Amino acid sequence: MSAKRRLSDEEVAQAVKLYREGRSQDEIAKIFGMSQQGIGKVLGREGVVVKSKSERNGIRTDFFQEIDTEEKVYWIGFLAADGWISENKVIGLSLQERDVEHVRVWAETIGALARKHGERKEWDVQFKSTKMYDDLVRWGFTVNKSKEFDPGKILKKIEQGLVRHFWRGMVDGDGTIPVMIRYGNRRDSLELCGTEAVCRGFKDFCVKNGENANMRLVGNIWNATVNGKSARKMLGVLYDDCNIYLKRKKMIAEGRIEKQEDGIRTIDRETAKEFLWEFHYLKSLPIGVVCYGWWKEKVLKGVAVIGTPANPGVDVTVFGKEGKGKVKELRRFALSSNEKNDASKFLGAVLREIKKEYDWWAMISFADAIAGHYGAIYQACGARYVGRSAKEVFVKIGEEIFFGRGMANALKGKELRKAEVMVSDGKFKYVFFLKEGVEKRCILPARPYPKSLDLK
């Protein structure tokens, strides 16, 4: 091909006609033996408005020409945190696979295509657009955005009622909602990292809402943090009554927002995991579970996790074949403190809730003798004691106890010469009946409640 080839008037007219019929510059260039750049110049001289490939594919490249709606303000905030632009005018957004739904929402919003990277567990949206690139630059974006971005131009332009949507986009992208637990007391936090200008802008936003944010430089990244009641209030400002959000972050925020009465409600996995890591001896959260939190005096005091039994076939051992799939297990149960009757009150509330919400026949639970439990709270809530599980081998090194399927990995790096191999007589097994009449169908006979441990 030769970029210097001159087209006749007839060929120029034909090239214009082909372009207006929807043929791309690349296709037309091949027809006439020219470069794409050469055809672009020909079309330009004829007064043809040349669209980018993104525009021809229906992408809303003028999306950020004005930022005057919740949708536009949120997404420019999210792109400011997690998106990027390049010198060749490509706009991109990449997120982990767990947030694929959010990538798809962005793609549908602007009419683009979301795709998954080959072996990387990421999804992205990428397209080239001079128009959107120029608009984003006009709003303060740069190729080196992570070190240079200043939200000042955006904040001066958007209406005050829309400002919170911008900061929610920023928090969804570059923020965290951690929880600190000190001396048994929980302290919620809201953090945003970025440039100094970003953190100062967020601090000003918090001050306008009656709260303060602390700023500090960690390495070469600035961090703005709001703690305690102030964090819970700001989460309400950001996430209450909104239409666009990263679901994972909103679920965490809803578990922290100080607007609900004391009692129990479902909570997200992240909140449950953080709590269990601090207050449950297994320090883990199984998959495929329903998580409940218990609030007392507006503080999260307990977490209960219910799901499919860890051992397949347990449901059949309770009711026979007719009980298959109708039995769940209390997989985790933890409290931050053991005040009188708190455990039985919390468990009782959970039982009442799942009776209303689910069609399960029963819930089983195991009191672990190795951890010092024999099921006193299960007895207080009226569960049927049906005996003990199979004997279990465990290893004791000093005051630490290791057992279960993860024992081999947990023992790596330990002083095994000091280890004692021991055997327990198994966990204490209980059954809670959740539907009227199913107790008679249980094929496991009731046994006298144990009143102490029998750990060998």
Protein backbone atom coordinates (compact mmCIF):
# COMPACT_ATOMS: atom_id res chain seq x y z
CA MET A 1 0.00 0.00 0.00
CA SER A 2 1.09 3.54 -0.62
CA ALA A 3 -0.06 6.37 1.63
CA LYS A 4 0.88 8.89 -1.13
CA ARG A 5 -1.54 7.57 -3.74
CA ARG A 6 -3.95 10.28 -4.96
CA LEU A 7 -7.57 9.35 -5.57
CA SER A 8 -9.55 10.61 -8.53
CA ASP A 9 -12.67 12.68 -7.91
CA GLU A 10 -14.76 9.62 -8.71
CA GLU A 11 -12.80 7.50 -6.21
CA VAL A 12 -13.09 10.20 -3.52
CA ALA A 13 -16.88 10.27 -3.98
CA GLN A 14 -16.97 6.48 -3.78
CA ALA A 15 -14.85 6.48 -0.58
CA VAL A 16 -17.20 9.01 1.04
CA LYS A 17 -20.22 6.93 -0.01
CA LEU A 18 -18.71 3.74 1.42
CA TYR A 19 -17.92 5.42 4.73
CA ARG A 20 -21.43 6.82 5.08
CA GLU A 21 -22.79 3.35 4.36
CA GLY A 22 -20.94 2.07 7.41
CA ARG A 23 -17.64 0.75 6.06
CA SER A 24 -14.62 1.39 8.26
CA GLN A 25 -11.61 3.49 7.27
CA ASP A 26 -9.48 0.36 7.33
CA GLU A 27 -11.81 -1.45 4.92
CA ILE A 28 -11.93 1.53 2.54
CA ALA A 29 -8.14 1.92 2.70
CA LYS A 30 -7.71 -1.70 1.56
CA ILE A 31 -10.13 -1.19 -1.33
CA PHE A 32 -8.13 1.76 -2.69
CA GLY A 33 -4.66 0.51 -1.74
CA MET A 34 -4.00 3.29 0.75
CA SER A 35 -3.21 3.60 4.43
CA GLN A 36 -5.98 4.16 6.97
CA GLN A 37 -4.41 7.53 7.82
CA GLY A 38 -4.52 8.55 4.14
CA ILE A 39 -8.22 7.69 3.83
CA GLY A 40 -8.88 9.63 7.03
CA LYS A 41 -7.33 12.73 5.46
CA VAL A 42 -9.36 12.27 2.29
CA LEU A 43 -12.61 12.05 4.26
CA GLY A 44 -11.61 15.04 6.37
CA ARG A 45 -11.00 17.22 3.28
CA GLU A 46 -14.49 16.31 2.08
CA GLY A 47 -16.02 17.56 5.32
CA VAL A 48 -16.92 14.10 6.60
CA VAL A 49 -17.04 13.83 10.40
CA VAL A 50 -14.88 10.79 11.04
CA LYS A 51 -16.11 8.68 13.95
CA SER A 52 -13.92 6.46 16.05
CA LYS A 53 -14.52 2.71 16.05
CA SER A 54 -16.07 3.10 19.50
CA GLU A 55 -18.59 5.62 18.16
CA ARG A 56 -19.41 3.44 15.15
CA ASN A 57 -20.05 0.54 17.53
CA GLY A 58 -22.62 2.58 19.43
CA ILE A 59 -20.54 3.40 22.51
CA ARG A 60 -21.71 6.54 24.31
CA THR A 61 -18.41 8.36 23.91
CA ASP A 62 -20.04 11.67 24.92
CA PHE A 63 -21.11 10.20 28.29
CA PHE A 64 -18.90 12.60 30.28
CA GLN A 65 -19.46 15.71 28.16
CA GLU A 66 -21.58 16.90 31.07
CA ILE A 67 -21.65 15.34 34.54
CA ASP A 68 -25.11 16.24 35.72
CA THR A 69 -26.73 12.98 36.90
CA GLU A 70 -26.10 10.44 39.68
CA GLU A 71 -25.05 7.91 37.03
CA LYS A 72 -22.43 10.13 35.40
CA VAL A 73 -21.10 11.54 38.68
CA TYR A 74 -20.74 8.06 40.22
CA TRP A 75 -18.94 6.57 37.21
CA ILE A 76 -16.49 9.45 36.83
CA GLY A 77 -15.67 8.94 40.52
CA PHE A 78 -15.24 5.21 40.05
CA LEU A 79 -13.05 5.67 36.97
CA ALA A 80 -11.00 8.25 38.85
CA ALA A 81 -10.26 5.51 41.38
CA ASP A 82 -10.05 2.29 39.37
CA GLY A 83 -10.04 3.30 35.70
CA TRP A 84 -7.28 4.61 33.43
CA ILE A 85 -6.58 6.47 30.20
CA SER A 86 -3.59 6.06 27.90
CA GLU A 87 -1.69 8.37 25.55
CA ASN A 88 -3.28 6.68 22.52
CA LYS A 89 -6.68 7.70 23.94
CA VAL A 90 -7.84 4.33 25.22
CA ILE A 91 -10.17 4.33 28.23
CA GLY A 92 -10.08 1.23 30.42
CA LEU A 93 -11.53 -0.33 33.55
CA SER A 94 -10.38 -3.68 34.98
CA LEU A 95 -11.76 -5.42 38.08
CA GLN A 96 -11.32 -8.75 39.79
CA GLU A 97 -13.63 -11.57 38.78
CA ARG A 98 -15.64 -11.24 42.00
CA ASP A 99 -16.78 -7.79 40.77
CA VAL A 100 -17.64 -8.89 37.22
CA GLU A 101 -21.24 -7.73 37.66
CA HIS A 102 -20.03 -4.16 38.23
CA VAL A 103 -17.88 -4.27 35.09
CA ARG A 104 -20.93 -5.39 33.15
CA VAL A 105 -23.02 -2.55 34.56
CA TRP A 106 -20.42 -0.05 33.33
CA ALA A 107 -20.30 -1.76 29.92
CA GLU A 108 -24.10 -1.67 29.58
CA THR A 109 -24.21 1.95 30.71
CA ILE A 110 -22.05 3.13 27.82
CA GLY A 111 -22.86 0.39 25.29
CA ALA A 112 -19.45 -1.28 25.37
CA LEU A 113 -18.35 -4.91 25.68
CA ALA A 114 -17.04 -6.50 28.89
CA ARG A 115 -14.51 -9.28 28.44
CA LYS A 116 -12.52 -11.68 30.57
CA HIS A 117 -8.73 -11.89 30.40
CA GLY A 118 -7.35 -15.27 29.42
CA GLU A 119 -5.73 -16.72 32.51
CA ARG A 120 -6.03 -13.66 34.73
CA LYS A 121 -9.03 -13.54 37.03
CA GLU A 122 -10.06 -10.11 35.79
CA TRP A 123 -12.77 -8.59 33.64
CA ASP A 124 -12.34 -5.35 31.76
CA VAL A 125 -13.86 -2.80 29.39
CA GLN A 126 -11.47 -1.07 26.97
CA PHE A 127 -12.14 1.13 23.97
CA LYS A 128 -10.54 3.99 22.08
CA SER A 129 -12.32 7.34 21.97
CA THR A 130 -10.86 10.77 21.36
CA LYS A 131 -14.10 12.35 22.56
CA MET A 132 -14.28 10.61 25.96
CA TYR A 133 -10.52 10.94 26.42
CA ASP A 134 -10.70 14.71 25.84
CA ASP A 135 -13.66 15.05 28.21
CA LEU A 136 -11.92 13.11 30.97
CA VAL A 137 -8.78 15.22 30.56
CA ARG A 138 -10.98 18.31 30.80
CA TRP A 139 -12.25 16.98 34.14
CA GLY A 140 -8.73 16.48 35.52
CA PHE A 141 -7.72 12.97 34.38
CA THR A 142 -4.14 12.33 33.29
CA VAL A 143 -2.24 9.29 32.05
CA ASN A 144 -0.46 9.27 35.43
CA LYS A 145 -3.75 9.70 37.28
CA SER A 146 -2.76 7.72 40.38
CA LYS A 147 -0.14 10.35 41.22
CA GLU A 148 -1.65 13.50 39.71
CA PHE A 149 -5.46 13.38 39.88
CA ASP A 150 -7.15 16.40 41.44
CA PRO A 151 -10.96 16.23 41.78
CA GLY A 152 -11.25 20.01 42.04
CA LYS A 153 -12.60 20.60 38.52
CA ILE A 154 -15.29 17.96 38.98
CA LEU A 155 -16.33 19.18 42.43
CA LYS A 156 -16.65 22.78 41.21
CA LYS A 157 -18.92 21.72 38.34
CA ILE A 158 -21.36 19.22 39.87
CA GLU A 159 -24.36 20.21 41.99
CA GLN A 160 -23.96 19.83 45.75
CA GLY A 161 -26.69 17.21 45.87
CA LEU A 162 -24.63 14.98 43.56
CA VAL A 163 -21.29 15.28 45.37
CA ARG A 164 -21.89 12.21 47.57
CA HIS A 165 -22.30 10.05 44.46
CA PHE A 166 -18.82 11.08 43.27
CA TRP A 167 -17.28 10.11 46.61
CA ARG A 168 -19.20 6.83 46.69
CA GLY A 169 -17.64 6.02 43.31
CA MET A 170 -14.21 6.85 44.72
CA VAL A 171 -14.78 4.73 47.84
CA ASP A 172 -16.11 1.80 45.79
CA GLY A 173 -12.92 1.94 43.75
CA ASP A 174 -10.14 2.98 46.14
CA GLY A 175 -11.76 2.80 49.57
CA THR A 176 -12.01 0.19 52.31
CA ILE A 177 -14.46 -0.30 55.17
CA PRO A 178 -12.32 -2.13 57.75
CA VAL A 179 -13.14 -2.87 61.37
CA MET A 180 -10.65 -2.55 64.21
CA ILE A 181 -11.15 -4.62 67.35
CA ARG A 182 -9.20 -3.52 70.41
CA TYR A 183 -9.59 -4.96 73.88
CA GLY A 184 -12.76 -6.68 72.74
CA ASN A 185 -14.32 -3.44 71.47
CA ARG A 186 -15.21 -2.94 67.83
CA ARG A 187 -14.31 0.27 65.99
CA ASP A 188 -15.59 0.81 62.46
CA SER A 189 -13.55 2.76 59.92
CA LEU A 190 -13.91 4.26 56.46
CA GLU A 191 -10.72 4.79 54.48
CA LEU A 192 -9.90 6.30 51.09
CA CYS A 193 -6.47 6.34 49.51
CA GLY A 194 -5.20 8.40 46.58
CA THR A 195 -3.42 11.65 45.85
CA GLU A 196 -3.15 14.39 48.45
CA ALA A 197 -5.78 16.37 46.52
CA VAL A 198 -8.19 13.42 46.58
CA CYS A 199 -7.80 12.87 50.32
CA ARG A 200 -8.08 16.57 51.08
CA GLY A 201 -11.25 16.73 48.99
CA PHE A 202 -12.71 13.76 50.88
CA LYS A 203 -11.76 15.33 54.20
CA ASP A 204 -13.58 18.54 53.19
CA PHE A 205 -16.63 16.46 52.20
CA CYS A 206 -16.64 14.83 55.65
CA VAL A 207 -16.30 18.20 57.40
CA LYS A 208 -19.28 19.58 55.44
CA ASN A 209 -21.26 16.64 56.82
CA GLY A 210 -20.21 17.40 60.39
CA GLU A 211 -17.42 14.81 60.71
CA ASN A 212 -13.64 14.86 60.54
CA ALA A 213 -11.20 12.70 58.60
CA ASN A 214 -7.55 12.17 59.48
CA MET A 215 -4.98 12.38 56.69
CA ARG A 216 -1.59 10.69 56.60
CA LEU A 217 1.05 9.78 54.05
CA VAL A 218 1.84 6.06 53.83
CA GLY A 219 4.84 5.59 51.54
CA ASN A 220 3.91 7.72 48.55
CA ILE A 221 0.14 7.27 48.90
CA TRP A 222 -2.15 9.51 50.92
CA ASN A 223 -4.85 8.05 53.14
CA ALA A 224 -7.94 9.72 54.64
CA THR A 225 -9.65 7.85 57.51
CA VAL A 226 -12.88 8.34 59.44
CA ASN A 227 -13.42 6.24 62.59
CA GLY A 228 -16.14 5.08 64.95
CA LYS A 229 -19.54 6.76 64.89
CA SER A 230 -18.23 9.25 62.33
CA ALA A 231 -17.45 6.37 59.95
CA ARG A 232 -20.91 4.90 60.39
CA LYS A 233 -22.52 8.28 59.73
CA MET A 234 -20.47 8.88 56.56
CA LEU A 235 -21.33 5.41 55.29
CA GLY A 236 -24.96 6.43 55.64
CA VAL A 237 -24.31 9.65 53.72
CA LEU A 238 -22.64 7.70 50.90
CA TYR A 239 -24.81 4.58 50.62
CA ASP A 240 -28.31 5.47 51.83
CA ASP A 241 -30.90 5.94 49.08
CA CYS A 242 -28.59 5.44 46.08
CA ASN A 243 -29.07 3.65 42.75
CA ILE A 244 -25.51 2.81 41.63
CA TYR A 245 -22.93 1.11 43.82
CA LEU A 246 -20.51 -1.78 44.06
CA LYS A 247 -22.70 -4.42 45.69
CA ARG A 248 -19.88 -5.86 47.77
CA LYS A 249 -19.11 -2.49 49.35
CA LYS A 250 -22.76 -1.56 49.87
CA MET A 251 -23.43 -4.82 51.72
CA ILE A 252 -20.54 -4.08 54.06
CA ALA A 253 -21.72 -0.49 54.52
CA GLU A 254 -25.27 -1.58 55.34
CA GLY A 255 -23.90 -3.81 58.08
CA ARG A 256 -22.16 -0.81 59.64
CA ILE A 257 -24.62 2.05 59.10
CA GLU A 258 -25.97 3.11 62.47
CA LYS A 259 -29.62 3.32 61.50
CA GLN A 260 -31.11 -0.02 62.51
CA GLU A 261 -32.51 -1.13 65.84
CA ASP A 262 -30.83 -3.73 68.03
CA GLY A 263 -31.59 -7.33 67.07
CA ILE A 264 -30.52 -9.75 64.35
CA ARG A 265 -30.30 -9.41 60.58
CA THR A 266 -28.38 -10.99 57.73
CA ILE A 267 -24.90 -9.59 57.13
CA ASP A 268 -22.34 -9.81 54.36
CA ARG A 269 -19.50 -12.34 54.30
CA GLU A 270 -16.78 -9.73 54.84
CA THR A 271 -18.32 -8.48 58.08
CA ALA A 272 -18.90 -12.05 59.29
CA LYS A 273 -15.35 -13.10 58.37
CA GLU A 274 -13.73 -10.19 60.20
CA PHE A 275 -15.76 -10.91 63.33
CA LEU A 276 -15.07 -14.67 63.29
CA TRP A 277 -11.37 -14.11 62.76
CA GLU A 278 -11.28 -12.20 66.04
CA PHE A 279 -13.73 -14.20 68.15
CA HIS A 280 -13.98 -17.79 66.83
CA TYR A 281 -11.28 -20.35 67.46
CA LEU A 282 -11.34 -21.71 63.86
CA LYS A 283 -10.79 -18.20 62.39
CA SER A 284 -12.46 -19.08 59.08
CA LEU A 285 -15.75 -18.81 57.19
CA PRO A 286 -17.15 -21.70 55.10
CA ILE A 287 -18.61 -21.06 51.65
CA GLY A 288 -22.28 -21.35 50.76
CA VAL A 289 -23.66 -20.04 54.04
CA VAL A 290 -26.19 -17.56 55.42
CA CYS A 291 -24.66 -15.13 57.93
CA TYR A 292 -26.56 -13.46 60.76
CA GLY A 293 -25.32 -10.64 62.96
CA TRP A 294 -26.66 -9.71 66.39
CA TRP A 295 -26.61 -6.07 67.48
CA LYS A 296 -26.85 -5.04 71.11
CA GLU A 297 -26.67 -1.37 72.06
CA LYS A 298 -25.92 -0.67 68.37
CA VAL A 299 -22.74 -2.78 68.49
CA LEU A 300 -22.23 -6.07 66.64
CA LYS A 301 -22.02 -8.61 69.46
CA GLY A 302 -22.44 -11.95 67.70
CA VAL A 303 -22.30 -13.81 64.40
CA ALA A 304 -24.04 -17.05 63.44
CA VAL A 305 -23.33 -18.88 60.18
CA ILE A 306 -25.69 -21.53 58.79
CA GLY A 307 -25.16 -23.67 55.70
CA THR A 308 -24.95 -27.11 54.15
CA PRO A 309 -23.58 -29.73 56.58
CA ALA A 310 -19.82 -30.16 56.43
CA ASN A 311 -20.22 -33.93 56.11
CA PRO A 312 -22.42 -35.09 53.19
CA GLY A 313 -25.21 -37.43 54.14
CA VAL A 314 -25.76 -36.03 57.62
CA ASP A 315 -29.32 -35.04 56.64
CA VAL A 316 -30.15 -38.67 55.88
CA THR A 317 -28.85 -39.78 59.28
CA VAL A 318 -31.37 -37.44 60.95
CA PHE A 319 -34.59 -38.21 59.03
CA GLY A 320 -33.72 -41.00 56.64
CA LYS A 321 -34.06 -40.52 52.88
CA GLU A 322 -37.07 -38.18 53.21
CA GLY A 323 -34.87 -35.64 54.98
CA LYS A 324 -32.33 -35.30 52.17
CA GLY A 325 -31.56 -31.63 51.55
CA LYS A 326 -33.80 -30.48 54.40
CA VAL A 327 -31.20 -30.29 57.15
CA LYS A 328 -28.71 -27.45 57.63
CA GLU A 329 -25.82 -27.03 60.04
CA LEU A 330 -24.83 -24.24 62.42
CA ARG A 331 -21.30 -23.91 61.02
CA ARG A 332 -20.07 -21.05 63.20
CA PHE A 333 -21.38 -19.29 66.31
CA ALA A 334 -19.41 -16.60 68.12
CA LEU A 335 -19.90 -13.72 70.56
CA SER A 336 -17.54 -10.85 71.33
CA SER A 337 -18.24 -11.22 75.06
CA ASN A 338 -20.02 -13.82 77.16
CA GLU A 339 -22.49 -11.83 79.22
CA LYS A 340 -25.16 -13.82 81.03
CA ASN A 341 -27.81 -15.32 78.71
CA ASP A 342 -26.46 -13.50 75.62
CA ALA A 343 -25.61 -16.73 73.79
CA SER A 344 -29.03 -18.33 74.30
CA LYS A 345 -30.82 -15.05 73.42
CA PHE A 346 -28.87 -14.73 70.18
CA LEU A 347 -29.30 -18.38 69.19
CA GLY A 348 -33.00 -18.25 70.04
CA ALA A 349 -33.44 -15.20 67.80
CA VAL A 350 -31.61 -16.96 64.94
CA LEU A 351 -33.86 -20.01 65.27
CA ARG A 352 -36.98 -17.85 65.14
CA GLU A 353 -35.68 -16.02 62.08
CA ILE A 354 -34.81 -19.11 60.04
CA LYS A 355 -38.16 -20.71 60.92
CA LYS A 356 -39.84 -17.70 59.30
CA GLU A 357 -37.53 -17.40 56.29
CA TYR A 358 -36.76 -20.99 55.25
CA ASP A 359 -38.52 -24.31 54.75
CA TRP A 360 -35.81 -26.36 56.47
CA TRP A 361 -36.80 -29.27 58.69
CA ALA A 362 -33.93 -29.10 61.13
CA MET A 363 -30.55 -27.63 61.96
CA ILE A 364 -27.77 -29.70 63.46
CA SER A 365 -24.92 -28.36 65.53
CA PHE A 366 -21.78 -29.81 67.05
CA ALA A 367 -20.27 -28.72 70.35
CA ASP A 368 -16.54 -29.27 70.06
CA ALA A 369 -15.08 -30.93 73.14
CA ILE A 370 -11.57 -30.14 71.93
CA ALA A 371 -12.40 -26.43 72.17
CA GLY A 372 -13.94 -26.89 75.61
CA HIS A 373 -17.63 -27.02 74.64
CA TYR A 374 -20.33 -29.58 75.43
CA GLY A 375 -23.41 -27.66 74.26
CA ALA A 376 -24.85 -25.83 77.26
CA ILE A 377 -26.43 -23.10 75.08
CA TYR A 378 -27.93 -25.72 72.74
CA GLN A 379 -29.51 -27.36 75.75
CA ALA A 380 -30.87 -23.99 76.92
CA CYS A 381 -32.55 -23.56 73.52
CA GLY A 382 -34.23 -26.96 73.64
CA ALA A 383 -32.16 -28.93 71.12
CA ARG A 384 -32.27 -32.72 71.12
CA TYR A 385 -28.96 -34.30 72.13
CA VAL A 386 -28.33 -37.36 69.94
CA GLY A 387 -24.85 -38.52 70.95
CA ARG A 388 -21.30 -37.93 69.80
CA SER A 389 -19.63 -37.95 66.43
CA ALA A 390 -16.74 -40.24 65.53
CA LYS A 391 -13.55 -40.10 67.58
CA GLU A 392 -11.14 -37.42 66.46
CA VAL A 393 -7.35 -37.22 66.53
CA PHE A 394 -5.80 -33.89 67.46
CA VAL A 395 -2.36 -32.54 68.23
CA LYS A 396 -1.52 -30.38 71.21
CA ILE A 397 1.63 -28.21 71.35
CA GLY A 398 1.75 -26.26 74.56
CA GLU A 399 -1.58 -24.44 74.81
CA GLU A 400 -2.30 -24.69 71.07
CA ILE A 401 -4.58 -27.41 69.67
CA PHE A 402 -4.61 -28.53 66.02
CA PHE A 403 -7.22 -30.76 64.44
CA GLY A 404 -9.42 -31.23 61.39
CA ARG A 405 -8.69 -31.28 57.67
CA GLY A 406 -6.39 -28.25 57.83
CA MET A 407 -4.24 -29.69 60.59
CA ALA A 408 -1.30 -30.68 58.34
CA ASN A 409 -0.90 -27.15 56.94
CA ALA A 410 -1.41 -25.55 60.36
CA LEU A 411 1.43 -27.65 61.84
CA LYS A 412 4.01 -26.47 59.30
CA GLY A 413 6.79 -24.61 61.05
CA LYS A 414 5.75 -25.76 64.55
CA GLU A 415 8.03 -27.50 67.03
CA LEU A 416 6.72 -31.01 66.45
CA ARG A 417 9.09 -32.56 69.00
CA LYS A 418 6.91 -30.96 71.67
CA ALA A 419 3.68 -32.23 70.10
CA GLU A 420 1.27 -34.56 71.87
CA VAL A 421 -1.05 -36.68 69.74
CA MET A 422 -4.39 -37.14 71.49
CA VAL A 423 -7.83 -38.58 70.77
CA SER A 424 -11.21 -37.14 71.73
CA ASP A 425 -14.43 -39.10 71.96
CA GLY A 426 -15.94 -36.87 69.27
CA LYS A 427 -18.10 -33.77 69.16
CA PHE A 428 -21.43 -33.48 71.01
CA LYS A 429 -24.20 -33.58 68.40
CA TYR A 430 -27.52 -31.68 68.71
CA VAL A 431 -30.62 -31.31 66.51
CA PHE A 432 -32.92 -28.26 66.43
CA PHE A 433 -36.34 -28.95 64.88
CA LEU A 434 -37.58 -26.09 62.72
CA LYS A 435 -40.97 -27.29 61.45
CA GLU A 436 -43.94 -28.49 63.40
CA GLY A 437 -44.33 -32.26 63.35
CA VAL A 438 -40.87 -33.19 62.04
CA GLU A 439 -39.58 -34.14 65.50
CA LYS A 440 -41.55 -37.40 65.24
CA ARG A 441 -39.79 -38.22 61.96
CA CYS A 442 -36.31 -37.98 63.46
CA ILE A 443 -34.69 -41.42 63.55
CA LEU A 444 -32.09 -40.41 66.13
CA PRO A 445 -33.28 -41.06 69.70
CA ALA A 446 -32.94 -38.38 72.37
CA ARG A 447 -30.24 -38.96 74.96
CA PRO A 448 -29.66 -37.36 78.36
CA TYR A 449 -27.90 -34.00 78.16
CA PRO A 450 -24.18 -34.12 79.00
CA LYS A 451 -23.26 -31.86 81.91
CA SER A 452 -19.49 -31.77 81.49
CA LEU A 453 -16.69 -32.54 79.06
CA ASP A 454 -15.36 -36.00 78.47
CA LEU A 455 -12.13 -35.22 76.65
CA LYS A 456 -9.55 -37.98 76.51
